[in-house]
Amino acid sequence: MTHGTQDAIRAILSADASIPGILRARMLEALKNAETAQVKKVVDPVVRRLEAAERLSVSPRTLDLWRRQGRIRAVSFGRGTRAVGFRESDLIAFTEGGAA
């Protein structure tokens, strides 16, 4: 919910005399809590297999072996395809700690 929308809701709640005071207070409190609970969406790009291998300075076959061994996790690019990629965060974790 945008700040403009939240401000509009606050203004309506404050101006509407038909809403009982306790209910208005609860609604305003819920709106305040919703503001603090908003979570930013983080985009975690998916890197194709060949680029991932290049970034890790290994061959694609070595990357496939690590994937089969469970050392690094792969994601599918969609239904009906065998193409896989690797999340950027998993590649970073792998380079820093040796496992993703």
C-alpha atoms as a PDB file:
ATOM      1  CA  MET A   1       0.000   0.000   0.000  1.00  0.00           C
ATOM      2  CA  THR A   2       1.444   3.367  -0.950  1.00  0.00           C
ATOM      3  CA  HIS A   3       1.877   6.216   1.505  1.00  0.00           C
ATOM      4  CA  GLY A   4      -0.703   8.252  -0.397  1.00  0.00           C
ATOM      5  CA  THR A   5      -3.282   5.511   0.063  1.00  0.00           C
ATOM      6  CA  GLN A   6      -2.434   5.195   3.743  1.00  0.00           C
ATOM      7  CA  ASP A   7      -2.761   8.955   4.211  1.00  0.00           C
ATOM      8  CA  ALA A   8      -6.147   8.929   2.459  1.00  0.00           C
ATOM      9  CA  ILE A   9      -7.401   6.114   4.705  1.00  0.00           C
ATOM     10  CA  ARG A  10      -6.213   8.013   7.784  1.00  0.00           C
ATOM     11  CA  ALA A  11      -8.025  11.152   6.631  1.00  0.00           C
ATOM     12  CA  ILE A  12     -11.255   9.248   5.975  1.00  0.00           C
ATOM     13  CA  LEU A  13     -11.101   7.512   9.358  1.00  0.00           C
ATOM     14  CA  SER A  14     -10.470  10.806  11.122  1.00  0.00           C
ATOM     15  CA  ALA A  15     -13.297  12.630   9.322  1.00  0.00           C
ATOM     16  CA  ASP A  16     -15.987   9.933   9.473  1.00  0.00           C
ATOM     17  CA  ALA A  17     -18.056  10.527  12.611  1.00  0.00           C
ATOM     18  CA  SER A  18     -20.078   7.353  12.065  1.00  0.00           C
ATOM     19  CA  ILE A  19     -17.088   5.180  13.052  1.00  0.00           C
ATOM     20  CA  PRO A  20     -16.928   4.662  16.835  1.00  0.00           C
ATOM     21  CA  GLY A  21     -13.788   6.022  18.494  1.00  0.00           C
ATOM     22  CA  ILE A  22     -12.461   2.649  19.666  1.00  0.00           C
ATOM     23  CA  LEU A  23     -12.924   1.128  16.220  1.00  0.00           C
ATOM     24  CA  ARG A  24     -11.224   4.116  14.591  1.00  0.00           C
ATOM     25  CA  ALA A  25      -8.289   3.760  16.999  1.00  0.00           C
ATOM     26  CA  ARG A  26      -7.976   0.042  16.195  1.00  0.00           C
ATOM     27  CA  MET A  27      -8.075   0.727  12.451  1.00  0.00           C
ATOM     28  CA  LEU A  28      -5.430   3.436  12.738  1.00  0.00           C
ATOM     29  CA  GLU A  29      -3.261   1.111  14.832  1.00  0.00           C
ATOM     30  CA  ALA A  30      -3.659  -1.674  12.260  1.00  0.00           C
ATOM     31  CA  LEU A  31      -2.699   0.764   9.508  1.00  0.00           C
ATOM     32  CA  LYS A  32       0.375   1.832  11.474  1.00  0.00           C
ATOM     33  CA  ASN A  33       1.388  -1.807  12.019  1.00  0.00           C
ATOM     34  CA  ALA A  34       0.908  -2.544   8.321  1.00  0.00           C
ATOM     35  CA  GLU A  35       3.356   0.228   7.472  1.00  0.00           C
ATOM     36  CA  THR A  36       6.083  -1.274   9.626  1.00  0.00           C
ATOM     37  CA  ALA A  37       5.381  -4.807   8.416  1.00  0.00           C
ATOM     38  CA  GLN A  38       5.795  -4.021   4.735  1.00  0.00           C
ATOM     39  CA  VAL A  39       8.571  -6.089   3.232  1.00  0.00           C
ATOM     40  CA  LYS A  40      10.550  -5.044   0.209  1.00  0.00           C
ATOM     41  CA  LYS A  41      10.563  -7.586  -2.553  1.00  0.00           C
ATOM     42  CA  VAL A  42      14.068  -8.640  -3.365  1.00  0.00           C
ATOM     43  CA  VAL A  43      14.758  -9.907  -6.833  1.00  0.00           C
ATOM     44  CA  ASP A  44      17.243 -12.747  -6.956  1.00  0.00           C
ATOM     45  CA  PRO A  45      18.305 -13.077 -10.597  1.00  0.00           C
ATOM     46  CA  VAL A  46      18.870 -16.499 -12.098  1.00  0.00           C
ATOM     47  CA  VAL A  47      22.138 -17.022 -13.962  1.00  0.00           C
ATOM     48  CA  ARG A  48      22.329 -19.536 -16.797  1.00  0.00           C
ATOM     49  CA  ARG A  49      24.509 -22.597 -16.428  1.00  0.00           C
ATOM     50  CA  LEU A  50      27.353 -21.480 -18.694  1.00  0.00           C
ATOM     51  CA  GLU A  51      27.617 -18.060 -17.093  1.00  0.00           C
ATOM     52  CA  ALA A  52      27.514 -19.619 -13.619  1.00  0.00           C
ATOM     53  CA  ALA A  53      30.355 -21.965 -14.536  1.00  0.00           C
ATOM     54  CA  GLU A  54      32.358 -19.032 -15.880  1.00  0.00           C
ATOM     55  CA  ARG A  55      31.782 -17.028 -12.697  1.00  0.00           C
ATOM     56  CA  LEU A  56      32.949 -19.955 -10.570  1.00  0.00           C
ATOM     57  CA  SER A  57      35.925 -20.547 -12.894  1.00  0.00           C
ATOM     58  CA  VAL A  58      34.971 -24.165 -13.537  1.00  0.00           C
ATOM     59  CA  SER A  59      33.715 -26.110 -16.516  1.00  0.00           C
ATOM     60  CA  PRO A  60      29.988 -26.603 -17.016  1.00  0.00           C
ATOM     61  CA  ARG A  61      30.504 -30.329 -16.429  1.00  0.00           C
ATOM     62  CA  THR A  62      32.078 -29.644 -13.027  1.00  0.00           C
ATOM     63  CA  LEU A  63      29.116 -27.434 -12.167  1.00  0.00           C
ATOM     64  CA  ASP A  64      26.768 -30.269 -13.212  1.00  0.00           C
ATOM     65  CA  LEU A  65      28.700 -32.661 -10.955  1.00  0.00           C
ATOM     66  CA  TRP A  66      28.439 -30.274  -8.001  1.00  0.00           C
ATOM     67  CA  ARG A  67      24.720 -29.951  -8.664  1.00  0.00           C
ATOM     68  CA  ARG A  68      24.239 -33.745  -8.669  1.00  0.00           C
ATOM     69  CA  GLN A  69      26.281 -33.986  -5.458  1.00  0.00           C
ATOM     70  CA  GLY A  70      24.063 -31.361  -3.849  1.00  0.00           C
ATOM     71  CA  ARG A  71      26.875 -28.878  -3.338  1.00  0.00           C
ATOM     72  CA  ILE A  72      24.990 -26.175  -5.229  1.00  0.00           C
ATOM     73  CA  ARG A  73      21.277 -25.830  -5.912  1.00  0.00           C
ATOM     74  CA  ALA A  74      19.886 -25.319  -9.423  1.00  0.00           C
ATOM     75  CA  VAL A  75      16.530 -23.924 -10.511  1.00  0.00           C
ATOM     76  CA  SER A  76      14.533 -24.849 -13.595  1.00  0.00           C
ATOM     77  CA  PHE A  77      13.752 -22.207 -16.189  1.00  0.00           C
ATOM     78  CA  GLY A  78      10.226 -23.454 -16.699  1.00  0.00           C
ATOM     79  CA  ARG A  79       7.972 -26.342 -17.445  1.00  0.00           C
ATOM     80  CA  GLY A  80       8.891 -28.608 -20.300  1.00  0.00           C
ATOM     81  CA  THR A  81      12.527 -27.594 -20.386  1.00  0.00           C
ATOM     82  CA  ARG A  82      15.663 -29.201 -19.061  1.00  0.00           C
ATOM     83  CA  ALA A  83      17.474 -25.877 -18.905  1.00  0.00           C
ATOM     84  CA  VAL A  84      18.664 -24.958 -15.438  1.00  0.00           C
ATOM     85  CA  GLY A  85      20.158 -21.898 -13.893  1.00  0.00           C
ATOM     86  CA  PHE A  86      21.519 -20.829 -10.554  1.00  0.00           C
ATOM     87  CA  ARG A  87      20.326 -18.065  -8.268  1.00  0.00           C
ATOM     88  CA  GLU A  88      22.748 -15.180  -7.868  1.00  0.00           C
ATOM     89  CA  SER A  89      22.553 -15.493  -4.073  1.00  0.00           C
ATOM     90  CA  ASP A  90      23.434 -19.201  -4.251  1.00  0.00           C
ATOM     91  CA  LEU A  91      26.495 -18.463  -6.372  1.00  0.00           C
ATOM     92  CA  ILE A  92      27.647 -15.819  -3.901  1.00  0.00           C
ATOM     93  CA  ALA A  93      27.064 -18.153  -0.959  1.00  0.00           C
ATOM     94  CA  PHE A  94      28.947 -20.922  -2.743  1.00  0.00           C
ATOM     95  CA  THR A  95      31.978 -18.733  -3.455  1.00  0.00           C
ATOM     96  CA  GLU A  96      32.032 -17.429   0.119  1.00  0.00           C
ATOM     97  CA  GLY A  97      31.335 -20.619   2.009  1.00  0.00           C
ATOM     98  CA  GLY A  98      31.655 -23.512  -0.377  1.00  0.00           C
ATOM     99  CA  ALA A  99      28.004 -24.604  -0.251  1.00  0.00           C
ATOM    100  CA  ALA A 100      24.697 -23.208  -1.447  1.00  0.00           C
END
